[in-house]
Each structure stands twice: as C-alpha cells, then as structure tokens.
Amino acid sequence: MQAIQEVHELTAEQFYEEILPGGQPAVFRGLVSDWPLVQAARTSDTSFCDYIRAFDRGQDISTAQGPASINGRLFYNADLSGLNFRTVQSRLSTSLQFLLEHANDTAPPTLAIQSAVISHYLPGMERENRLPGGLVPPDIDPRLWLGGRATVAAHYDPSENMACCVAGRRRFTLFPPEQVANLYIGPLELTPAGAAISMVDFDQPDLDRHPRFRDALAAALVADLEPGDAIYIPYLWWHHVRALDAINALVNYWWTPMPARGGDPRNALLHAMLAIRDLPPGYRAAWRSMFEHYAFDDRPVASEHLPESRRGILGDLDAADVTRLKQALARALGRQ
C-alpha cells in the first residue's frame, strides 16, 4: 500500500485551491499539536481523561460495547442477523473510567463512543480546541470519537472529512470510490453505524472468498496518525480506521460544500436499484444512457438548446421549485 501524501504548514488557501479540488487524501502533521486536548493526551492517559471530564455535563451518551472476544472489531454477528456489539446509553465519565481501568489489559472489552457532537456533550471544549482559521466552514460542529483499541470497517461518508487525532495513534487505510466492487460491501439495510461497510477482515483477508480485494489493496493508501496530526478524507472515499492504543480519541469535521437541493444521493441510489436493476439488459442500457445524459453530464449539455424560462429541473431552481419537485416525487413514489 502507498503512503498518503503529507503536507506541512497547511494554509486555508492551499487547502481550498489545491487539495480540495484535487480530490486526493492528505495528512497534515502537527496541525493541531497546540490543542490543550492534545497536550493533555501527551502528558498521560489520566491527564487526557481529566481534561475531558472538566467539560462533561453528565449526560448519557450512545456507547458501543462489545466483549473481548471480538478483538475490538465492530462488525456483524456470524449470520449477519445483527451486530457483534450492543449500543447503550452511558455516562461519559463512566466510559473514561472503564478505559483507564482496562488500559493494561491484553484483551480488553471493546468500548467506543462515536460521532458525539462536542458542543452538546462537552460544551466549551470546542472553543479551546479550534482548527486553524478557514480550514472548514465556521458553522461545522466538531464531533468526538473516543474508545479503546477498536477497529471500524471500511466505509464511506457522503461528505468531506477533516479528522484530527487527539489521543493515541490511529491507522487509516483509504480507497477511492471506484474500489467499491473490490471491497465486498455488506447489507445496506443493516449497518453497524449507518454507513455500509466492507465485509473483508483486514487482519485476515480471505482471498478465496474475496479475491478482488487484491485489486483494492493495490489502490489503497495508508497513514498512521499521532496525536496532533490530521487527515483529509475526500467525499465518498472508503476508509478503514484502526485505533492502536488503549485510549484513543479523534475529533472530526464533516461538511458538504455543494448544494444538496435534491437531498441525499443515497436515496436516489436506492430507488434506482429498485426501479432499474431487474429490468431486461436492453432496458438497463437505455436507462444508463439517460442517467449519463441527465445526471452525470454537465447540465448545459442537456439544457442549452432550451429557453431559460423552459428548462425546469435542468435550470436554476429556487427553494419553492425544489419543494414542489420533491412533493411531486413523493406523490409519485406513494402511488407505486
């Protein structure tokens, strides 16, 4: 696997003019080394936990818990009818104490807090630990990911992602979107955390069962992050994340810079699967041409021959136009 490109002394101009348009992942060493959160983690696990406790308001928080037998791999049960861990509501202080108590265990039970909005659960901490100016939109709420030596299977986010390692080390293995067929994606209806995941065990890949995974590995990019480092994961890139130490924490920022006038593209994908996948081959080929023309070609190709006032959905829509079209689509789906 190849190493992810590294960028030093990152500026907002460089990020938005070079890295973001390039659509390739990048690692930024030491980007948040001056955060008090990182400084506390570098002092000791106890100092890190004490720093977080100072902001904790005692709310219950969604927490994944699994037995030692899963070796930290948050995944499915044997027959894919459920998951190999349970999600409970627990106090953050309880989870921190649990991690400290099991820090020296060779095979500890699994604990992971995922995607906790910091301003809600730890108000004020986000003000003391800020990204350098202009790197992400100012209204984005940072989220905390905290736990032990947990492994999150390869998955994608329908957003741009800036992730900052603040405690412990993490290994990121990334794949471009076109590797989807080589990652052997699991059920779409049941997922560990809302996103579809790869079924391949990266520790012991079964290449007889998943032979195309060899091709995915040939396209993979990898990086190990230390506390204070950050990584940019582009929109829809698959990423496998492994926490390497007894106490690990990540702060991330998700954002989507493009207008989402039509909603979540995943909904369109699901409907296309229902409506098109089982059509005769000739029909599917015809619809492929339609999608290429109307959804994937530049809009002027489909609309430039029409007067601006008659371009409809192919033209520039205001909020009222979008609402009417969504309502019409909802009525059409309801009749099927």
Protein backbone atom coordinates (compact mmCIF):
# COMPACT_ATOMS: atom_id res chain seq x y z
CA MET A 1 0.00 0.00 0.00
CA GLN A 2 1.16 3.51 -0.75
CA ALA A 3 1.58 6.25 1.83
CA ILE A 4 -0.88 9.13 1.83
CA GLN A 5 0.67 12.41 0.73
CA GLU A 6 1.82 14.67 3.57
CA VAL A 7 1.51 18.44 3.67
CA HIS A 8 3.36 20.64 6.11
CA GLU A 9 2.43 24.16 7.26
CA LEU A 10 -1.01 23.96 5.67
CA THR A 11 -2.86 27.19 4.86
CA ALA A 12 -6.55 27.64 4.08
CA GLU A 13 -5.66 28.93 0.61
CA GLN A 14 -3.61 25.83 -0.14
CA PHE A 15 -6.37 23.57 1.15
CA TYR A 16 -9.17 25.13 -0.93
CA GLU A 17 -7.14 25.90 -4.06
CA GLU A 18 -5.05 22.72 -4.32
CA ILE A 19 -6.01 19.87 -2.00
CA LEU A 20 -9.81 20.02 -2.01
CA PRO A 21 -10.13 20.40 -5.83
CA GLY A 22 -7.60 17.59 -6.31
CA GLY A 23 -9.87 15.11 -4.54
CA GLN A 24 -6.96 13.18 -3.00
CA PRO A 25 -6.46 12.45 0.70
CA ALA A 26 -3.72 14.24 2.60
CA VAL A 27 -2.09 14.08 6.03
CA PHE A 28 -1.21 17.24 7.93
CA ARG A 29 1.44 16.51 10.53
CA GLY A 30 1.16 18.51 13.73
CA LEU A 31 -1.81 20.55 12.53
CA VAL A 32 -3.45 20.58 15.98
CA SER A 33 -0.43 19.91 18.18
CA ASP A 34 -1.09 23.07 20.17
CA TRP A 35 -4.59 22.00 21.24
CA PRO A 36 -4.91 21.67 25.03
CA LEU A 37 -6.68 18.35 24.36
CA VAL A 38 -3.59 17.02 22.56
CA GLN A 39 -1.20 18.40 25.17
CA ALA A 40 -3.16 16.65 27.90
CA ALA A 41 -3.07 13.35 25.98
CA ARG A 42 0.68 13.64 25.51
CA THR A 43 1.10 14.07 29.25
CA SER A 44 -0.76 10.89 30.22
CA ASP A 45 -4.00 9.00 29.70
CA THR A 46 -5.17 10.22 33.09
CA SER A 47 -4.48 13.86 32.19
CA PHE A 48 -6.41 13.43 28.96
CA CYS A 49 -9.42 11.93 30.73
CA ASP A 50 -9.30 14.65 33.41
CA TYR A 51 -9.29 17.35 30.72
CA ILE A 52 -12.41 15.91 29.12
CA ARG A 53 -14.15 15.46 32.48
CA ALA A 54 -13.81 19.19 33.11
CA PHE A 55 -16.32 19.84 30.30
CA ASP A 56 -18.63 16.88 30.91
CA ARG A 57 -22.19 17.82 31.92
CA GLY A 58 -23.15 14.28 32.91
CA GLN A 59 -25.46 13.47 30.01
CA ASP A 60 -25.98 9.93 28.82
CA ILE A 61 -24.24 9.27 25.54
CA SER A 62 -24.63 6.49 22.96
CA THR A 63 -21.82 3.98 23.55
CA ALA A 64 -20.88 0.80 21.69
CA GLN A 65 -19.86 -2.07 23.96
CA GLY A 66 -18.58 -5.47 22.92
CA PRO A 67 -16.92 -8.49 24.57
CA ALA A 68 -13.19 -9.09 24.50
CA SER A 69 -13.79 -11.92 22.01
CA ILE A 70 -14.45 -9.51 19.12
CA ASN A 71 -10.89 -8.12 19.44
CA GLY A 72 -12.14 -4.58 19.00
CA ARG A 73 -13.69 -5.24 15.59
CA LEU A 74 -17.13 -3.58 15.48
CA PHE A 75 -18.89 -5.83 12.99
CA TYR A 76 -21.78 -8.23 12.35
CA ASN A 77 -22.63 -11.41 14.18
CA ALA A 78 -21.96 -14.74 12.48
CA ASP A 79 -25.14 -14.94 10.37
CA LEU A 80 -25.44 -11.18 9.65
CA SER A 81 -28.76 -11.02 11.51
CA GLY A 82 -27.38 -8.46 13.95
CA LEU A 83 -24.19 -6.93 15.29
CA ASN A 84 -21.42 -8.29 17.49
CA PHE A 85 -21.76 -5.42 19.97
CA ARG A 86 -24.57 -3.57 21.70
CA THR A 87 -25.29 0.14 21.93
CA VAL A 88 -26.20 1.52 25.34
CA GLN A 89 -26.68 4.90 26.96
CA SER A 90 -23.84 5.57 29.37
CA ARG A 91 -22.22 8.49 31.16
CA LEU A 92 -19.01 9.72 29.57
CA SER A 93 -17.27 9.70 32.95
CA THR A 94 -18.13 6.01 33.31
CA SER A 95 -16.63 5.22 29.92
CA LEU A 96 -13.44 7.15 30.68
CA GLN A 97 -13.01 5.27 33.96
CA PHE A 98 -13.61 1.97 32.15
CA LEU A 99 -10.89 2.77 29.60
CA LEU A 100 -8.41 3.71 32.30
CA GLU A 101 -9.13 0.57 34.30
CA HIS A 102 -8.60 -1.68 31.25
CA ALA A 103 -5.68 0.24 29.73
CA ASN A 104 -3.17 -2.51 30.54
CA ASP A 105 -5.36 -5.48 29.62
CA THR A 106 -4.03 -7.64 26.79
CA ALA A 107 -7.58 -8.37 25.55
CA PRO A 108 -9.95 -5.73 26.97
CA PRO A 109 -13.68 -5.50 26.26
CA THR A 110 -14.50 -3.13 23.42
CA LEU A 111 -15.84 0.35 24.06
CA ALA A 112 -16.38 3.11 21.52
CA ILE A 113 -18.17 6.46 21.58
CA GLN A 114 -18.80 7.58 18.02
CA SER A 115 -19.81 10.88 16.45
CA ALA A 116 -20.64 12.75 19.68
CA VAL A 117 -21.29 16.44 18.97
CA ILE A 118 -18.82 18.19 21.26
CA SER A 119 -20.82 21.39 21.77
CA HIS A 120 -23.70 19.28 23.10
CA TYR A 121 -21.88 16.82 25.34
CA LEU A 122 -18.73 18.81 26.22
CA PRO A 123 -19.73 22.47 25.80
CA GLY A 124 -16.80 24.85 25.76
CA MET A 125 -14.19 22.28 24.73
CA GLU A 126 -14.61 23.19 21.07
CA ARG A 127 -13.68 26.82 21.87
CA GLU A 128 -10.37 25.78 23.42
CA ASN A 129 -9.50 23.39 20.58
CA ARG A 130 -10.04 25.10 17.23
CA LEU A 131 -8.73 24.28 13.78
CA PRO A 132 -6.54 26.94 12.16
CA GLY A 133 -8.72 29.61 10.61
CA GLY A 134 -10.59 28.95 7.40
CA LEU A 135 -9.88 25.23 7.02
CA VAL A 136 -13.51 24.19 7.49
CA PRO A 137 -16.75 26.20 7.36
CA PRO A 138 -17.22 28.08 10.64
CA ASP A 139 -20.65 26.61 11.41
CA ILE A 140 -19.47 22.97 11.46
CA ASP A 141 -19.85 21.23 14.82
CA PRO A 142 -16.80 19.06 15.65
CA ARG A 143 -17.52 15.51 16.77
CA LEU A 144 -15.68 13.28 19.21
CA TRP A 145 -14.76 9.62 18.63
CA LEU A 146 -13.38 8.00 21.77
CA GLY A 147 -12.56 4.46 22.81
CA GLY A 148 -10.04 1.68 23.18
CA ARG A 149 -8.35 -0.46 20.53
CA ALA A 150 -11.41 -0.56 18.28
CA THR A 151 -11.48 -1.18 14.54
CA VAL A 152 -14.06 0.38 12.24
CA ALA A 153 -14.54 -1.47 8.93
CA ALA A 154 -14.01 0.34 5.65
CA HIS A 155 -16.96 2.66 4.98
CA TYR A 156 -17.64 5.96 3.24
CA ASP A 157 -19.07 9.32 4.27
CA PRO A 158 -21.22 11.40 1.87
CA SER A 159 -19.24 14.48 2.91
CA GLU A 160 -15.79 15.99 3.11
CA ASN A 161 -13.99 14.94 6.29
CA MET A 162 -11.20 16.56 8.29
CA ALA A 163 -10.21 14.24 11.14
CA CYS A 164 -7.79 15.21 13.91
CA CYS A 165 -6.06 12.59 16.03
CA VAL A 166 -6.01 13.93 19.60
CA ALA A 167 -5.10 10.90 21.75
CA GLY A 168 -3.44 7.59 20.93
CA ARG A 169 -2.44 6.51 17.43
CA ARG A 170 -4.75 5.64 14.54
CA ARG A 171 -4.12 3.87 11.26
CA PHE A 172 -6.17 4.99 8.28
CA THR A 173 -6.43 2.82 5.16
CA LEU A 174 -8.20 4.62 2.31
CA PHE A 175 -9.64 3.51 -1.04
CA PRO A 176 -11.03 5.67 -3.85
CA PRO A 177 -14.78 5.40 -4.57
CA GLU A 178 -14.27 3.26 -7.67
CA GLN A 179 -12.98 0.41 -5.49
CA VAL A 180 -16.50 -0.28 -4.19
CA ALA A 181 -16.79 -3.56 -6.14
CA ASN A 182 -13.49 -4.82 -4.71
CA LEU A 183 -14.37 -4.17 -1.07
CA TYR A 184 -17.32 -6.61 -0.87
CA ILE A 185 -19.86 -4.33 0.78
CA GLY A 186 -22.24 -5.74 3.39
CA PRO A 187 -26.01 -5.34 3.77
CA LEU A 188 -27.30 -1.85 3.05
CA GLU A 189 -30.32 -2.22 5.34
CA LEU A 190 -28.39 -3.22 8.49
CA THR A 191 -25.14 -1.43 9.26
CA PRO A 192 -23.04 -1.00 12.41
CA ALA A 193 -23.31 2.79 12.43
CA GLY A 194 -25.47 3.89 9.49
CA ALA A 195 -22.88 3.52 6.72
CA ALA A 196 -22.43 0.41 4.57
CA ILE A 197 -19.18 -1.39 5.37
CA SER A 198 -16.70 -3.77 3.78
CA MET A 199 -17.10 -7.42 4.77
CA VAL A 200 -13.35 -8.08 4.43
CA ASP A 201 -11.40 -8.74 7.61
CA PHE A 202 -8.31 -6.61 7.05
CA ASP A 203 -6.35 -8.60 9.66
CA GLN A 204 -7.03 -11.94 7.98
CA PRO A 205 -8.46 -11.32 4.49
CA ASP A 206 -10.00 -14.42 2.94
CA LEU A 207 -8.78 -14.02 -0.63
CA ASP A 208 -10.55 -17.18 -1.76
CA ARG A 209 -13.85 -15.65 -0.70
CA HIS A 210 -12.91 -12.06 -1.57
CA PRO A 211 -10.41 -12.37 -4.46
CA ARG A 212 -10.97 -8.85 -5.81
CA PHE A 213 -9.69 -7.42 -2.53
CA ARG A 214 -6.20 -7.83 -4.01
CA ASP A 215 -7.09 -5.11 -6.50
CA ALA A 216 -8.42 -2.90 -3.70
CA LEU A 217 -5.14 -3.26 -1.81
CA ALA A 218 -3.22 -2.24 -4.91
CA ALA A 219 -5.16 1.03 -4.88
CA ALA A 220 -5.04 1.55 -1.10
CA LEU A 221 -3.41 4.48 0.66
CA VAL A 222 -2.33 4.25 4.31
CA ALA A 223 -1.15 6.56 7.09
CA ASP A 224 -0.51 6.29 10.82
CA LEU A 225 -1.52 9.39 12.76
CA GLU A 226 -0.01 10.55 16.05
CA PRO A 227 -1.73 12.93 18.48
CA GLY A 228 -1.74 16.36 16.85
CA ASP A 229 -1.87 15.04 13.26
CA ALA A 230 -4.87 15.46 10.96
CA ILE A 231 -6.11 13.78 7.79
CA TYR A 232 -8.34 14.96 4.98
CA ILE A 233 -10.64 12.20 3.64
CA PRO A 234 -12.35 13.24 0.40
CA TYR A 235 -16.05 12.88 -0.30
CA LEU A 236 -17.14 9.22 -0.70
CA TRP A 237 -13.67 7.75 -0.15
CA TRP A 238 -13.73 4.44 1.71
CA HIS A 239 -11.75 4.45 4.95
CA HIS A 240 -10.84 1.70 7.40
CA VAL A 241 -9.81 3.06 10.81
CA ARG A 242 -7.89 1.18 13.47
CA ALA A 243 -7.19 2.60 16.94
CA LEU A 244 -3.77 1.37 18.01
CA ASP A 245 -3.61 2.34 21.69
CA ALA A 246 -5.57 1.64 24.86
CA ILE A 247 -7.12 5.13 24.86
CA ASN A 248 -7.74 6.79 21.51
CA ALA A 249 -9.66 9.89 20.53
CA LEU A 250 -10.42 11.68 17.30
CA VAL A 251 -12.14 14.98 16.58
CA ASN A 252 -13.62 15.32 13.11
CA TYR A 253 -15.46 17.83 10.95
CA TRP A 254 -17.94 16.83 8.23
CA TRP A 255 -19.19 19.22 5.59
CA THR A 256 -20.59 19.17 2.07
CA PRO A 257 -19.75 22.31 0.07
CA MET A 258 -22.18 21.60 -2.77
CA PRO A 259 -25.89 22.50 -2.66
CA ALA A 260 -27.99 19.48 -1.66
CA ARG A 261 -31.13 20.77 -3.36
CA GLY A 262 -32.37 17.28 -4.09
CA GLY A 263 -31.50 15.66 -0.78
CA ASP A 264 -29.31 12.66 -0.02
CA PRO A 265 -27.94 10.93 -3.17
CA ARG A 266 -28.15 7.60 -1.33
CA ASN A 267 -31.93 7.79 -1.58
CA ALA A 268 -31.66 8.18 -5.35
CA LEU A 269 -29.34 5.18 -5.47
CA LEU A 270 -31.77 3.00 -3.51
CA HIS A 271 -34.67 3.98 -5.75
CA ALA A 272 -32.58 3.34 -8.88
CA MET A 273 -31.76 -0.13 -7.55
CA LEU A 274 -35.46 -0.84 -7.04
CA ALA A 275 -36.56 0.59 -10.36
CA ILE A 276 -33.76 -0.42 -12.73
CA ARG A 277 -31.70 -3.39 -11.54
CA ASP A 278 -34.19 -6.08 -12.58
CA LEU A 279 -35.10 -4.63 -15.97
CA PRO A 280 -34.08 -6.54 -19.12
CA PRO A 281 -30.49 -5.81 -20.22
CA GLY A 282 -31.56 -3.63 -23.14
CA TYR A 283 -33.78 -1.52 -20.88
CA ARG A 284 -30.97 -1.07 -18.36
CA ALA A 285 -28.60 0.04 -21.11
CA ALA A 286 -31.14 2.59 -22.29
CA TRP A 287 -31.57 3.96 -18.76
CA ARG A 288 -27.78 4.09 -18.36
CA SER A 289 -27.74 6.49 -21.30
CA MET A 290 -30.48 8.57 -19.70
CA PHE A 291 -28.60 8.79 -16.40
CA GLU A 292 -25.34 9.67 -18.14
CA HIS A 293 -27.06 12.46 -20.05
CA TYR A 294 -29.24 13.96 -17.33
CA ALA A 295 -27.41 13.17 -14.09
CA PHE A 296 -23.70 12.90 -14.92
CA ASP A 297 -23.05 15.13 -17.95
CA ASP A 298 -22.72 18.86 -17.41
CA ARG A 299 -26.14 20.46 -17.19
CA PRO A 300 -25.63 22.74 -20.24
CA VAL A 301 -25.38 19.65 -22.46
CA ALA A 302 -28.95 18.69 -21.59
CA SER A 303 -30.46 22.18 -21.43
CA GLU A 304 -28.55 24.66 -23.55
CA HIS A 305 -30.93 24.28 -26.50
CA LEU A 306 -33.94 25.28 -24.38
CA PRO A 307 -35.03 28.81 -23.43
CA GLU A 308 -34.00 29.60 -19.86
CA SER A 309 -37.63 30.02 -18.86
CA ARG A 310 -38.47 26.47 -20.02
CA ARG A 311 -35.56 24.48 -18.58
CA GLY A 312 -37.43 23.33 -15.50
CA ILE A 313 -35.41 20.93 -13.38
CA LEU A 314 -32.47 21.36 -15.76
CA GLY A 315 -32.29 25.08 -14.96
CA ASP A 316 -31.63 27.13 -11.87
CA LEU A 317 -34.21 26.31 -9.21
CA ASP A 318 -35.23 28.38 -6.23
CA ALA A 319 -36.35 26.90 -2.90
CA ALA A 320 -40.01 26.87 -3.94
CA ASP A 321 -39.20 24.99 -7.16
CA VAL A 322 -37.24 22.37 -5.21
CA THR A 323 -40.07 21.92 -2.73
CA ARG A 324 -42.65 21.43 -5.50
CA LEU A 325 -40.47 18.87 -7.27
CA LYS A 326 -39.86 16.93 -4.05
CA GLN A 327 -43.57 16.89 -3.31
CA ALA A 328 -44.34 15.65 -6.81
CA LEU A 329 -41.70 12.92 -6.43
CA ALA A 330 -43.10 11.89 -3.06
CA ARG A 331 -46.61 11.59 -4.56
CA ALA A 332 -45.26 9.52 -7.45
CA LEU A 333 -43.41 7.17 -5.11
CA GLY A 334 -46.51 6.84 -2.96
CA ARG A 335 -48.52 5.59 -5.93
CA GLN A 336 -46.06 2.81 -6.79
